[in-house]
N, C-alpha and C. Protein backbone atom coordinates (compact mmCIF):
# COMPACT_ATOMS: atom_id res chain seq x y z
N UNK A 1 -111.48 46.03 -109.11
CA UNK A 1 -112.56 46.84 -108.59
C UNK A 1 -113.54 47.15 -109.73
N UNK A 2 -114.78 47.28 -109.34
CA UNK A 2 -115.85 47.60 -110.29
C UNK A 2 -116.64 48.79 -109.76
N UNK A 3 -117.22 49.54 -110.69
CA UNK A 3 -118.12 50.64 -110.34
C UNK A 3 -119.49 50.30 -110.90
N UNK A 4 -120.47 50.28 -110.01
CA UNK A 4 -121.85 50.00 -110.39
C UNK A 4 -122.60 51.32 -110.42
N UNK A 5 -123.21 51.62 -111.57
CA UNK A 5 -124.15 52.73 -111.69
C UNK A 5 -125.53 52.09 -111.69
N UNK A 6 -126.36 52.43 -110.72
CA UNK A 6 -127.72 51.87 -110.67
C UNK A 6 -128.72 53.01 -110.63
N UNK A 7 -129.53 53.11 -111.66
CA UNK A 7 -130.56 54.15 -111.75
C UNK A 7 -131.86 53.52 -111.28
N UNK A 8 -132.37 54.04 -110.15
CA UNK A 8 -133.50 53.43 -109.45
C UNK A 8 -134.63 54.45 -109.34
N UNK A 9 -135.86 53.99 -109.49
CA UNK A 9 -137.02 54.85 -109.30
C UNK A 9 -136.99 55.47 -107.91
N UNK A 10 -137.37 56.74 -107.80
CA UNK A 10 -137.35 57.44 -106.53
C UNK A 10 -138.15 56.73 -105.44
N UNK A 11 -139.24 56.07 -105.82
CA UNK A 11 -140.07 55.35 -104.83
C UNK A 11 -139.34 54.15 -104.23
N UNK A 12 -138.34 53.62 -104.93
CA UNK A 12 -137.61 52.44 -104.47
C UNK A 12 -136.28 52.78 -103.81
N UNK A 13 -135.84 54.03 -103.93
CA UNK A 13 -134.46 54.37 -103.55
C UNK A 13 -134.18 54.17 -102.06
N UNK A 14 -135.13 54.44 -101.19
CA UNK A 14 -134.88 54.25 -99.76
C UNK A 14 -134.65 52.78 -99.43
N UNK A 15 -135.48 51.90 -99.98
CA UNK A 15 -135.32 50.45 -99.74
C UNK A 15 -133.98 49.95 -100.28
N UNK A 16 -133.60 50.41 -101.45
CA UNK A 16 -132.32 50.00 -102.05
C UNK A 16 -131.17 50.47 -101.17
N UNK A 17 -131.20 51.75 -100.79
CA UNK A 17 -130.13 52.32 -99.97
C UNK A 17 -129.98 51.60 -98.64
N UNK A 18 -131.10 51.38 -97.98
CA UNK A 18 -131.09 50.70 -96.67
C UNK A 18 -130.52 49.28 -96.79
N UNK A 19 -130.91 48.56 -97.82
CA UNK A 19 -130.46 47.18 -98.00
C UNK A 19 -128.99 47.11 -98.39
N UNK A 20 -128.54 48.03 -99.24
CA UNK A 20 -127.12 48.05 -99.61
C UNK A 20 -126.26 48.34 -98.38
N UNK A 21 -126.68 49.30 -97.57
CA UNK A 21 -125.93 49.64 -96.36
C UNK A 21 -125.89 48.47 -95.39
N UNK A 22 -127.03 47.80 -95.22
CA UNK A 22 -127.08 46.64 -94.31
C UNK A 22 -126.15 45.52 -94.78
N UNK A 23 -125.93 45.42 -96.08
CA UNK A 23 -125.06 44.38 -96.64
C UNK A 23 -123.59 44.82 -96.68
N UNK A 24 -123.30 46.03 -96.20
CA UNK A 24 -121.92 46.49 -96.11
C UNK A 24 -121.41 47.26 -97.32
N UNK A 25 -122.30 47.64 -98.23
CA UNK A 25 -121.89 48.43 -99.39
C UNK A 25 -121.97 49.91 -99.06
N UNK A 26 -121.04 50.67 -99.61
CA UNK A 26 -121.07 52.13 -99.50
C UNK A 26 -121.50 52.66 -100.85
N UNK A 27 -122.46 53.58 -100.84
CA UNK A 27 -122.98 54.11 -102.10
C UNK A 27 -123.13 55.62 -102.02
N UNK A 28 -122.83 56.26 -103.12
CA UNK A 28 -123.11 57.68 -103.28
C UNK A 28 -124.42 57.79 -104.04
N UNK A 29 -125.33 58.62 -103.51
CA UNK A 29 -126.64 58.80 -104.13
C UNK A 29 -126.70 60.14 -104.84
N UNK A 30 -127.17 60.11 -106.08
CA UNK A 30 -127.34 61.32 -106.87
C UNK A 30 -128.80 61.42 -107.32
N UNK A 31 -129.40 62.59 -107.17
CA UNK A 31 -130.75 62.81 -107.69
C UNK A 31 -130.67 62.88 -109.21
N UNK A 32 -131.58 62.19 -109.88
CA UNK A 32 -131.60 62.21 -111.34
C UNK A 32 -133.06 62.17 -111.81
N UNK A 33 -133.26 62.44 -113.09
CA UNK A 33 -134.60 62.48 -113.65
C UNK A 33 -134.67 61.60 -114.87
N UNK A 34 -135.73 60.80 -114.95
CA UNK A 34 -135.92 59.95 -116.12
C UNK A 34 -136.43 60.74 -117.30
N UNK A 35 -136.07 60.32 -118.50
CA UNK A 35 -136.46 61.03 -119.70
C UNK A 35 -137.88 60.75 -120.16
N UNK A 36 -138.37 59.53 -119.99
CA UNK A 36 -139.68 59.16 -120.52
C UNK A 36 -140.81 59.80 -119.74
N UNK A 37 -140.85 59.59 -118.44
CA UNK A 37 -141.92 60.14 -117.61
C UNK A 37 -141.49 61.39 -116.86
N UNK A 38 -140.25 61.80 -117.03
CA UNK A 38 -139.68 62.94 -116.28
C UNK A 38 -139.89 62.77 -114.78
N UNK A 39 -139.78 61.54 -114.32
CA UNK A 39 -140.00 61.24 -112.91
C UNK A 39 -138.68 61.22 -112.15
N UNK A 40 -138.76 61.39 -110.85
CA UNK A 40 -137.58 61.40 -110.01
C UNK A 40 -136.95 60.02 -109.88
N UNK A 41 -135.65 59.98 -110.02
CA UNK A 41 -134.87 58.77 -109.85
C UNK A 41 -133.73 59.06 -108.89
N UNK A 42 -133.09 57.99 -108.45
CA UNK A 42 -131.84 58.11 -107.71
C UNK A 42 -130.81 57.26 -108.43
N UNK A 43 -129.65 57.85 -108.68
CA UNK A 43 -128.55 57.11 -109.29
C UNK A 43 -127.55 56.78 -108.20
N UNK A 44 -127.31 55.50 -107.99
CA UNK A 44 -126.36 55.04 -106.99
C UNK A 44 -125.02 54.76 -107.67
N UNK A 45 -123.94 55.21 -107.05
CA UNK A 45 -122.59 54.88 -107.49
C UNK A 45 -121.99 54.00 -106.40
N UNK A 46 -121.65 52.78 -106.75
CA UNK A 46 -121.16 51.80 -105.78
C UNK A 46 -119.85 51.23 -106.30
N UNK A 47 -118.77 51.44 -105.58
CA UNK A 47 -117.48 50.87 -105.95
C UNK A 47 -117.24 49.66 -105.04
N UNK A 48 -116.95 48.51 -105.64
CA UNK A 48 -116.80 47.30 -104.86
C UNK A 48 -115.85 46.33 -105.55
N UNK A 49 -115.45 45.31 -104.83
CA UNK A 49 -114.61 44.26 -105.40
C UNK A 49 -115.42 43.48 -106.43
N UNK A 50 -114.73 42.96 -107.43
CA UNK A 50 -115.39 42.25 -108.52
C UNK A 50 -116.28 41.11 -108.04
N UNK A 51 -115.81 40.39 -107.03
CA UNK A 51 -116.58 39.23 -106.55
C UNK A 51 -117.85 39.61 -105.78
N UNK A 52 -118.02 40.88 -105.43
CA UNK A 52 -119.21 41.32 -104.70
C UNK A 52 -120.25 41.99 -105.60
N UNK A 53 -119.94 42.13 -106.88
CA UNK A 53 -120.85 42.82 -107.79
C UNK A 53 -122.21 42.14 -107.85
N UNK A 54 -122.23 40.82 -108.01
CA UNK A 54 -123.51 40.12 -108.15
C UNK A 54 -124.37 40.29 -106.91
N UNK A 55 -123.76 40.30 -105.74
CA UNK A 55 -124.52 40.51 -104.51
C UNK A 55 -125.21 41.87 -104.50
N UNK A 56 -124.48 42.91 -104.91
CA UNK A 56 -125.07 44.26 -104.97
C UNK A 56 -126.18 44.32 -106.01
N UNK A 57 -125.95 43.72 -107.17
CA UNK A 57 -126.96 43.71 -108.23
C UNK A 57 -128.22 42.97 -107.75
N UNK A 58 -128.05 41.86 -107.07
CA UNK A 58 -129.19 41.10 -106.55
C UNK A 58 -130.01 41.94 -105.57
N UNK A 59 -129.35 42.69 -104.71
CA UNK A 59 -130.06 43.56 -103.75
C UNK A 59 -130.86 44.62 -104.51
N UNK A 60 -130.23 45.24 -105.49
CA UNK A 60 -130.91 46.28 -106.27
C UNK A 60 -132.13 45.70 -106.98
N UNK A 61 -131.97 44.53 -107.59
CA UNK A 61 -133.09 43.87 -108.28
C UNK A 61 -134.23 43.56 -107.31
N UNK A 62 -133.88 43.04 -106.15
CA UNK A 62 -134.90 42.64 -105.17
C UNK A 62 -135.68 43.84 -104.64
N UNK A 63 -135.03 44.96 -104.47
CA UNK A 63 -135.67 46.13 -103.85
C UNK A 63 -136.23 47.13 -104.85
N UNK A 64 -136.05 46.89 -106.13
CA UNK A 64 -136.54 47.78 -107.19
C UNK A 64 -137.66 47.08 -107.95
N UNK A 65 -138.87 47.22 -107.49
CA UNK A 65 -139.98 46.47 -108.06
C UNK A 65 -140.62 47.19 -109.25
N UNK A 66 -141.04 46.40 -110.24
CA UNK A 66 -141.81 46.93 -111.36
C UNK A 66 -143.26 47.03 -110.91
N UNK A 67 -143.94 48.08 -111.36
CA UNK A 67 -145.36 48.23 -111.06
C UNK A 67 -146.00 49.03 -112.18
N UNK A 68 -147.30 48.99 -112.25
CA UNK A 68 -148.06 49.72 -113.27
C UNK A 68 -148.52 51.06 -112.70
N UNK A 69 -148.55 52.07 -113.58
CA UNK A 69 -148.99 53.40 -113.16
C UNK A 69 -149.80 54.00 -114.30
N UNK A 70 -150.84 54.72 -113.98
CA UNK A 70 -151.66 55.39 -114.99
C UNK A 70 -151.13 56.81 -115.19
N UNK A 71 -150.94 57.20 -116.46
CA UNK A 71 -150.55 58.56 -116.79
C UNK A 71 -151.48 59.07 -117.88
N UNK A 72 -151.51 60.37 -118.07
CA UNK A 72 -152.30 60.95 -119.16
C UNK A 72 -151.46 60.92 -120.44
N UNK A 73 -152.09 60.53 -121.53
CA UNK A 73 -151.38 60.50 -122.81
C UNK A 73 -151.06 61.92 -123.23
N UNK A 74 -150.07 62.06 -124.10
CA UNK A 74 -149.72 63.37 -124.64
C UNK A 74 -150.77 63.77 -125.67
N UNK A 75 -151.22 65.02 -125.63
CA UNK A 75 -152.23 65.44 -126.62
C UNK A 75 -151.62 65.51 -128.02
N UNK A 76 -152.42 65.11 -129.00
CA UNK A 76 -151.96 65.13 -130.40
C UNK A 76 -152.85 66.08 -131.20
N UNK A 77 -152.29 67.14 -131.68
CA UNK A 77 -152.96 68.09 -132.58
C UNK A 77 -154.46 68.25 -132.29
N UNK A 78 -154.78 68.76 -131.13
CA UNK A 78 -156.18 69.05 -130.81
C UNK A 78 -156.97 67.89 -130.25
N UNK A 79 -156.41 66.70 -130.16
CA UNK A 79 -157.15 65.57 -129.61
C UNK A 79 -157.10 65.59 -128.09
N UNK A 80 -158.03 64.91 -127.48
CA UNK A 80 -158.10 64.85 -126.02
C UNK A 80 -157.06 63.86 -125.48
N UNK A 81 -156.68 64.07 -124.23
CA UNK A 81 -155.79 63.10 -123.58
C UNK A 81 -156.63 62.00 -122.96
N UNK A 82 -156.01 60.87 -122.72
CA UNK A 82 -156.70 59.75 -122.10
C UNK A 82 -155.70 59.00 -121.24
N UNK A 83 -156.18 58.27 -120.22
CA UNK A 83 -155.25 57.55 -119.35
C UNK A 83 -154.59 56.37 -120.06
N UNK A 84 -153.30 56.20 -119.79
CA UNK A 84 -152.52 55.10 -120.37
C UNK A 84 -151.77 54.42 -119.24
N UNK A 85 -151.78 53.09 -119.23
CA UNK A 85 -151.04 52.34 -118.22
C UNK A 85 -149.61 52.10 -118.69
N UNK A 86 -148.63 52.47 -117.84
CA UNK A 86 -147.22 52.25 -118.16
C UNK A 86 -146.56 51.49 -117.01
N UNK A 87 -145.45 50.84 -117.32
CA UNK A 87 -144.67 50.13 -116.31
C UNK A 87 -143.60 51.08 -115.77
N UNK A 88 -143.51 51.20 -114.45
CA UNK A 88 -142.50 52.02 -113.80
C UNK A 88 -141.74 51.17 -112.79
N UNK A 89 -140.66 51.70 -112.27
CA UNK A 89 -139.87 50.98 -111.28
C UNK A 89 -138.79 50.16 -111.93
N UNK A 90 -138.26 49.25 -111.16
CA UNK A 90 -137.13 48.48 -111.65
C UNK A 90 -135.86 49.30 -111.56
N UNK A 91 -134.83 48.87 -112.21
CA UNK A 91 -133.56 49.59 -112.17
C UNK A 91 -132.82 49.37 -113.48
N UNK A 92 -131.99 50.35 -113.82
CA UNK A 92 -131.06 50.22 -114.93
C UNK A 92 -129.68 50.19 -114.32
N UNK A 93 -128.91 49.14 -114.61
CA UNK A 93 -127.63 48.92 -113.93
C UNK A 93 -126.51 48.81 -114.95
N UNK A 94 -125.44 49.57 -114.70
CA UNK A 94 -124.23 49.51 -115.51
C UNK A 94 -123.08 49.11 -114.58
N UNK A 95 -122.21 48.24 -115.04
CA UNK A 95 -121.03 47.84 -114.27
C UNK A 95 -119.80 48.09 -115.14
N UNK A 96 -118.86 48.86 -114.59
CA UNK A 96 -117.64 49.19 -115.34
C UNK A 96 -116.41 48.88 -114.50
N UNK A 97 -115.29 48.74 -115.18
CA UNK A 97 -114.02 48.55 -114.48
C UNK A 97 -113.57 49.87 -113.88
N UNK A 98 -112.87 49.79 -112.75
CA UNK A 98 -112.30 50.97 -112.10
C UNK A 98 -110.79 50.84 -112.17
N UNK A 99 -110.15 51.81 -112.77
CA UNK A 99 -108.70 51.79 -112.87
C UNK A 99 -108.04 52.18 -111.55
N UNK A 100 -108.67 53.15 -110.87
CA UNK A 100 -108.11 53.61 -109.61
C UNK A 100 -109.25 54.08 -108.70
N UNK A 101 -109.12 53.76 -107.42
CA UNK A 101 -110.12 54.15 -106.43
C UNK A 101 -109.40 54.62 -105.19
N UNK A 102 -109.71 55.81 -104.72
CA UNK A 102 -109.14 56.34 -103.48
C UNK A 102 -110.25 56.97 -102.66
N UNK A 103 -110.19 56.75 -101.40
CA UNK A 103 -111.12 57.40 -100.47
C UNK A 103 -110.25 58.27 -99.56
N UNK A 104 -110.31 59.58 -99.73
CA UNK A 104 -109.43 60.48 -98.99
C UNK A 104 -110.18 61.31 -97.98
């Protein structure tokens, strides 16, 4: 058994959740916040058989799109802020071994 931690942008989380469910995966969703932009994320916890990991990862990749977003730069010692284009979206995925799994 494997445990997949997938940190997904909040804008993509509904598509990811819907697609994982349609493919037969069960996921626990946790609200989380990114450190760089302090934006809303969803962290999915998915426990599955080892041979199904790639299928889940493929779904997450497909439904978590990268896109550009304009943000205001951080002010530096009295200087003005200005718009900066950053890349948002996508997913950060961790896969770990599970020693024991019970659903009670």
